[in-house]
Amino acid sequence: MTVAPHPDGPPALEVVEYTDPLCPWAWGSEPVFRRLRAALAGRVRWRRAYAVLFDDDDDPPPDPAAETAWYASHLADIGVHTLAPRAHRLSRVAASSWPSSLVARAAELQGPEIADRVLRRLRESVFVLGEPADTEALALRSVRGVPGLDPVRLEREAASAGVRESVRADRAEARRPVPEVRSVREESPHPGAAKETPGGEVRYALPTLLFRTRPGYRVVPGWRPYEAYAAAVEELRPGLLQEAPPLAPAPALDRYRSLTGPERLVLTEGAWPPPHAVRVDTAQGPVWLHPDDAQHHPAARQ
């Protein structure tokens, strides 16, 4: 979800999601974020800001194989908490977040549903396939066949100066965190205190949600339960959050196109999986794809 229409004026609340397509904690937060977006649908402006987790000027690892082995173990440790799927084998640590961030931003120009599906594919490139979309060619290939996507337009706009400047602005914004995240003390495996980058800057930990109204804001960084985000919304706009009822399995897959085990437990109710679901197994549980998406999804062709 990017910008919801508000025919009667500006939205009551803006939600800024500081994220990165290749961030493991952001991937693991998707069940909660999908639930939250459903509970706020049509009543907020939800904007994603791409913070660029893997920057172009980061020093390359002296031993890429050892770095990959360490990072794969790190992803497994994160998965203990998130229960999110992870690839059987990680080919490498991503060299750059720029290509996937540019493609994700360009997809927003084709509408919120396309944007959500493209971002999902980019996340799945690393956490389901183990092949991070860290080049322009890989990012475009990973989203090939997304229903409704215009791939020629996507490639053109992802390479445009306007989209690059937009992501550059996101990167800079993410490196101006609000004071509350400079020091965070929470009982969480990823409490979300601001991170110092290799270049000496400080940026939001990923993911972080910033809820803003004209009178004030609330920030919820790191890995948090749904109740933490709901409380922030309630403090700023009492009664705005309207919990969406769980969907039956088939309509849920029609809506989301790709669902993990943790997501289907949060978003659906009834006998799982629906008959038409295409199952893709990972090292930590399956991902179920809508058959229309599975026709072109790289994971379903392995």
Protein backbone atom coordinates (compact mmCIF):
# COMPACT_ATOMS: atom_id res chain seq x y z
CA MET A 1 0.00 0.00 0.00
CA THR A 2 1.38 3.41 -0.92
CA VAL A 3 -1.08 6.31 -1.03
CA ALA A 4 -4.75 5.74 -0.28
CA PRO A 5 -7.25 8.18 -1.82
CA HIS A 6 -8.70 10.81 0.47
CA PRO A 7 -11.42 12.70 -1.43
CA ASP A 8 -12.39 14.74 1.64
CA GLY A 9 -8.93 16.12 2.35
CA PRO A 10 -5.56 14.98 3.69
CA PRO A 11 -5.34 11.68 5.55
CA ALA A 12 -5.70 11.63 9.31
CA LEU A 13 -2.40 9.81 9.66
CA GLU A 14 0.77 9.25 7.65
CA VAL A 15 2.73 6.04 8.15
CA VAL A 16 6.33 6.02 6.95
CA GLU A 17 7.83 2.54 6.64
CA TYR A 18 11.62 2.68 6.62
CA THR A 19 12.61 -0.51 4.92
CA ASP A 20 14.79 -2.27 2.37
CA PRO A 21 13.73 -5.02 -0.07
CA LEU A 22 16.62 -7.20 1.12
CA CYS A 23 16.27 -6.71 4.90
CA PRO A 24 15.59 -9.93 6.87
CA TRP A 25 13.81 -8.23 9.77
CA ALA A 26 11.55 -6.42 7.29
CA TRP A 27 10.79 -9.75 5.62
CA GLY A 28 9.95 -11.25 9.00
CA SER A 29 7.70 -8.29 9.86
CA GLU A 30 5.42 -8.78 6.85
CA PRO A 31 2.72 -10.77 8.72
CA VAL A 32 2.26 -7.92 11.21
CA PHE A 33 2.57 -5.19 8.58
CA ARG A 34 0.05 -6.85 6.27
CA ARG A 35 -2.38 -7.08 9.18
CA LEU A 36 -1.75 -3.44 10.09
CA ARG A 37 -2.19 -2.22 6.50
CA ALA A 38 -5.50 -4.10 6.30
CA ALA A 39 -6.67 -2.48 9.55
CA LEU A 40 -5.79 1.01 8.24
CA ALA A 41 -6.79 0.56 4.60
CA GLY A 42 -8.23 3.71 3.03
CA ARG A 43 -7.71 5.88 6.12
CA VAL A 44 -3.99 6.62 6.10
CA ARG A 45 -1.20 7.57 3.76
CA TRP A 46 1.32 4.71 3.94
CA ARG A 47 4.66 5.56 2.39
CA ARG A 48 7.70 3.34 2.05
CA ALA A 49 11.12 4.96 2.36
CA TYR A 50 13.98 2.85 1.06
CA ALA A 51 16.86 3.22 3.48
CA VAL A 52 19.50 1.35 1.40
CA LEU A 53 20.75 -1.32 3.75
CA PHE A 54 23.55 -2.44 1.40
CA ASP A 55 25.10 0.72 -0.03
CA ASP A 56 27.23 1.02 -3.15
CA ASP A 57 30.17 2.49 -1.25
CA ASP A 58 30.31 -0.30 1.37
CA ASP A 59 33.67 -2.07 1.39
CA PRO A 60 33.55 -5.53 -0.23
CA PRO A 61 34.23 -8.44 2.15
CA PRO A 62 37.82 -9.72 2.12
CA ASP A 63 36.52 -13.32 2.07
CA PRO A 64 33.14 -13.48 0.27
CA ALA A 65 32.61 -17.17 1.04
CA ALA A 66 33.17 -16.66 4.77
CA GLU A 67 30.96 -13.57 4.73
CA THR A 68 28.19 -15.52 3.02
CA ALA A 69 28.45 -18.38 5.51
CA TRP A 70 28.26 -15.93 8.42
CA TYR A 71 25.30 -14.09 6.93
CA ALA A 72 23.42 -17.32 6.23
CA SER A 73 23.87 -18.23 9.90
CA HIS A 74 22.70 -14.73 10.86
CA LEU A 75 19.53 -15.20 8.78
CA ALA A 76 18.91 -18.53 10.50
CA ASP A 77 19.22 -16.83 13.90
CA ILE A 78 16.73 -14.15 12.86
CA GLY A 79 14.40 -16.86 11.60
CA VAL A 80 14.25 -18.38 15.07
CA HIS A 81 12.31 -15.28 16.10
CA THR A 82 10.37 -14.39 12.93
CA LEU A 83 9.66 -17.95 11.70
CA ALA A 84 9.83 -16.48 8.20
CA PRO A 85 10.92 -18.70 5.30
CA ARG A 86 14.58 -18.64 4.34
CA ALA A 87 16.39 -20.07 1.37
CA HIS A 88 17.94 -23.53 1.47
CA ARG A 89 21.17 -21.96 0.24
CA LEU A 90 22.32 -18.36 0.11
CA SER A 91 24.49 -17.68 -2.92
CA ARG A 92 26.09 -14.51 -1.56
CA VAL A 93 25.56 -11.44 0.59
CA ALA A 94 23.86 -8.72 -1.44
CA ALA A 95 26.31 -6.30 -3.00
CA SER A 96 23.85 -3.40 -3.19
CA SER A 97 20.28 -2.48 -2.26
CA TRP A 98 20.10 0.19 -4.94
CA PRO A 99 18.82 -1.96 -7.86
CA SER A 100 15.96 -3.51 -5.89
CA SER A 101 15.07 -0.17 -4.28
CA LEU A 102 14.94 1.55 -7.67
CA VAL A 103 12.74 -1.19 -9.12
CA ALA A 104 10.46 -1.10 -6.05
CA ARG A 105 10.09 2.68 -6.33
CA ALA A 106 9.47 2.52 -10.08
CA ALA A 107 6.75 -0.07 -9.51
CA GLU A 108 4.87 2.41 -7.32
CA LEU A 109 4.23 4.45 -10.46
CA GLN A 110 2.07 1.55 -11.72
CA GLY A 111 -0.21 1.56 -8.68
CA PRO A 112 -0.21 0.23 -5.11
CA GLU A 113 -1.14 -3.38 -5.92
CA ILE A 114 1.64 -3.70 -8.50
CA ALA A 115 4.06 -2.03 -6.08
CA ASP A 116 3.22 -4.51 -3.31
CA ARG A 117 3.63 -7.51 -5.62
CA VAL A 118 6.93 -6.27 -7.02
CA LEU A 119 8.36 -5.58 -3.56
CA ARG A 120 7.26 -9.03 -2.46
CA ARG A 121 9.11 -10.65 -5.37
CA LEU A 122 12.23 -8.65 -4.57
CA ARG A 123 12.13 -9.85 -0.97
CA GLU A 124 11.59 -13.43 -2.10
CA SER A 125 14.66 -13.22 -4.33
CA VAL A 126 16.90 -13.52 -1.28
CA PHE A 127 14.70 -15.16 1.36
CA VAL A 128 13.10 -17.84 -0.83
CA LEU A 129 15.51 -18.22 -3.75
CA GLY A 130 18.77 -17.29 -2.04
CA GLU A 131 19.72 -15.11 -5.03
CA PRO A 132 19.52 -11.47 -3.87
CA ALA A 133 18.26 -9.04 -6.51
CA ASP A 134 21.35 -6.87 -6.18
CA THR A 135 21.89 -5.93 -9.84
CA GLU A 136 19.57 -4.21 -12.28
CA ALA A 137 19.26 -7.37 -14.38
CA LEU A 138 18.49 -9.59 -11.38
CA ALA A 139 15.96 -7.14 -9.93
CA LEU A 140 14.08 -6.93 -13.22
CA ARG A 141 14.27 -10.69 -13.75
CA SER A 142 12.94 -11.45 -10.28
CA VAL A 143 9.72 -9.51 -10.95
CA ARG A 144 9.15 -10.83 -14.46
CA GLY A 145 5.58 -12.02 -14.97
CA VAL A 146 4.00 -10.16 -12.05
CA PRO A 147 0.35 -9.99 -13.17
CA GLY A 148 -0.54 -6.53 -14.44
CA LEU A 149 3.04 -5.25 -14.49
CA ASP A 150 4.31 -3.38 -17.54
CA PRO A 151 7.94 -4.60 -17.64
CA VAL A 152 9.08 -2.19 -20.36
CA ARG A 153 7.79 0.78 -18.41
CA LEU A 154 9.29 -0.59 -15.19
CA GLU A 155 12.76 -0.93 -16.71
CA ARG A 156 12.61 2.56 -18.21
CA GLU A 157 11.42 4.25 -15.04
CA ALA A 158 13.76 2.32 -12.73
CA ALA A 159 16.65 3.76 -14.76
CA SER A 160 15.26 7.31 -14.70
CA ALA A 161 16.86 10.23 -12.90
CA GLY A 162 13.60 10.97 -11.10
CA VAL A 163 13.32 7.54 -9.51
CA ARG A 164 16.99 7.56 -8.51
CA GLU A 165 16.60 10.98 -6.92
CA SER A 166 13.51 9.74 -5.05
CA VAL A 167 15.42 6.80 -3.56
CA ARG A 168 18.36 9.08 -2.79
CA ALA A 169 15.96 11.27 -0.84
CA ASP A 170 14.67 8.21 1.03
CA ARG A 171 18.22 7.23 1.91
CA ALA A 172 18.93 10.70 3.27
CA GLU A 173 15.65 10.81 5.21
CA ALA A 174 16.41 7.45 6.84
CA ARG A 175 19.69 8.96 8.06
CA ARG A 176 17.88 11.70 9.97
CA PRO A 177 16.18 9.58 12.64
CA VAL A 178 14.00 11.09 15.33
CA PRO A 179 15.72 11.39 18.71
CA GLU A 180 13.66 8.59 20.33
CA VAL A 181 15.46 5.88 18.34
CA ARG A 182 18.97 6.97 19.20
CA SER A 183 18.68 4.82 22.31
CA VAL A 184 16.02 2.13 22.61
CA ARG A 185 15.54 -0.22 25.53
CA GLU A 186 12.94 -2.85 24.74
CA GLU A 187 12.56 -6.56 25.36
CA SER A 188 12.97 -7.59 21.74
CA PRO A 189 15.56 -9.60 19.79
CA HIS A 190 15.73 -6.55 17.49
CA PRO A 191 14.76 -3.52 19.59
CA GLY A 192 15.45 -1.09 16.76
CA ALA A 193 17.97 1.43 18.08
CA ALA A 194 19.40 3.59 15.28
CA LYS A 195 22.38 2.08 13.48
CA GLU A 196 25.71 3.65 12.69
CA THR A 197 26.60 3.09 9.04
CA PRO A 198 30.09 2.32 7.72
CA GLY A 199 30.26 5.94 6.53
CA GLY A 200 29.71 7.26 10.04
CA GLU A 201 26.08 8.29 9.53
CA VAL A 202 23.21 7.17 11.75
CA ARG A 203 20.05 5.67 10.21
CA TYR A 204 16.85 4.04 11.33
CA ALA A 205 17.06 0.36 12.11
CA LEU A 206 14.99 -1.64 9.66
CA PRO A 207 12.14 -1.87 9.73
CA THR A 208 10.91 1.21 11.56
CA LEU A 209 7.41 2.68 11.35
CA LEU A 210 6.93 6.40 11.97
CA PHE A 211 3.32 7.46 12.56
CA ARG A 212 2.76 11.19 11.95
CA THR A 213 -0.04 13.68 12.37
CA ARG A 214 0.20 17.46 12.39
CA PRO A 215 0.25 17.63 16.22
CA GLY A 216 2.86 14.93 16.72
CA TYR A 217 4.29 11.51 15.97
CA ARG A 218 5.05 8.08 17.40
CA VAL A 219 7.88 5.83 16.30
CA VAL A 220 7.98 2.02 16.57
CA PRO A 221 11.38 0.65 15.57
CA GLY A 222 12.67 -2.88 15.09
CA TRP A 223 10.89 -6.20 15.56
CA ARG A 224 7.64 -5.60 17.46
CA PRO A 225 4.27 -7.28 17.99
CA TYR A 226 1.14 -5.97 16.32
CA GLU A 227 -0.05 -4.46 19.60
CA ALA A 228 2.89 -2.01 19.65
CA TYR A 229 1.87 -0.53 16.30
CA ALA A 230 -1.82 -0.51 17.20
CA ALA A 231 -1.05 1.38 20.41
CA ALA A 232 0.89 4.04 18.50
CA VAL A 233 -2.04 4.57 16.12
CA GLU A 234 -4.52 4.72 19.00
CA GLU A 235 -2.44 7.34 20.82
CA LEU A 236 -2.42 9.62 17.79
CA ARG A 237 -5.84 8.89 16.28
CA PRO A 238 -8.18 7.07 18.67
CA GLY A 239 -10.62 4.83 16.82
CA LEU A 240 -8.84 5.03 13.46
CA LEU A 241 -7.68 1.42 13.55
CA GLN A 242 -10.40 -0.99 12.40
CA GLU A 243 -9.31 -4.58 12.75
CA ALA A 244 -10.01 -6.46 9.51
CA PRO A 245 -11.55 -9.93 9.92
CA PRO A 246 -9.45 -12.85 8.68
CA LEU A 247 -10.11 -13.96 5.12
CA ALA A 248 -11.04 -17.42 3.95
CA PRO A 249 -7.97 -19.17 2.47
CA ALA A 250 -8.85 -18.82 -1.22
CA PRO A 251 -9.76 -15.09 -1.09
CA ALA A 252 -6.63 -14.45 0.99
CA LEU A 253 -4.41 -16.02 -1.66
CA ASP A 254 -6.30 -14.12 -4.37
CA ARG A 255 -5.58 -10.89 -2.52
CA TYR A 256 -2.00 -11.39 -1.37
CA ARG A 257 -0.75 -13.74 -4.13
CA SER A 258 2.01 -15.07 -1.88
CA LEU A 259 1.62 -16.19 1.74
CA THR A 260 4.01 -17.65 4.28
CA GLY A 261 3.08 -19.83 7.23
CA PRO A 262 3.20 -16.96 9.74
CA GLU A 263 1.14 -14.78 7.40
CA ARG A 264 -1.62 -17.28 6.80
CA LEU A 265 -2.00 -17.79 10.56
CA VAL A 266 -2.50 -14.03 11.01
CA LEU A 267 -4.51 -13.20 7.89
CA THR A 268 -6.66 -16.26 7.17
CA GLU A 269 -9.17 -18.55 8.84
CA GLY A 270 -10.22 -21.98 7.61
CA ALA A 271 -8.76 -25.13 6.11
CA TRP A 272 -5.34 -24.44 4.65
CA PRO A 273 -4.08 -24.49 1.94
CA PRO A 274 -6.68 -23.64 -0.70
CA PRO A 275 -6.82 -26.25 -3.48
CA HIS A 276 -5.26 -24.04 -6.13
CA ALA A 277 -2.25 -22.92 -4.04
CA VAL A 278 1.23 -23.74 -5.36
CA ARG A 279 3.57 -24.76 -2.56
CA VAL A 280 7.24 -23.79 -2.55
CA ASP A 281 9.34 -25.30 0.24
CA THR A 282 12.17 -23.43 1.93
CA ALA A 283 14.59 -24.20 4.75
CA GLN A 284 12.03 -22.84 7.20
CA GLY A 285 8.52 -23.62 6.09
CA PRO A 286 6.67 -23.22 2.80
CA VAL A 287 5.49 -20.27 0.77
CA TRP A 288 2.16 -20.66 -1.04
CA LEU A 289 1.75 -18.88 -4.38
CA HIS A 290 -1.33 -18.01 -6.38
CA PRO A 291 -1.25 -20.17 -9.54
CA ASP A 292 -1.29 -17.12 -11.84
CA ASP A 293 1.85 -15.83 -10.12
CA ALA A 294 3.45 -19.26 -9.92
CA GLN A 295 3.48 -19.52 -13.73
CA HIS A 296 6.28 -16.94 -13.85
CA HIS A 297 7.66 -17.00 -10.31
CA PRO A 298 11.34 -18.06 -10.22
CA ALA A 299 10.80 -20.15 -7.10
CA ALA A 300 8.09 -22.26 -8.75
CA ARG A 301 10.37 -23.05 -11.69
CA GLN A 302 13.25 -24.45 -9.66
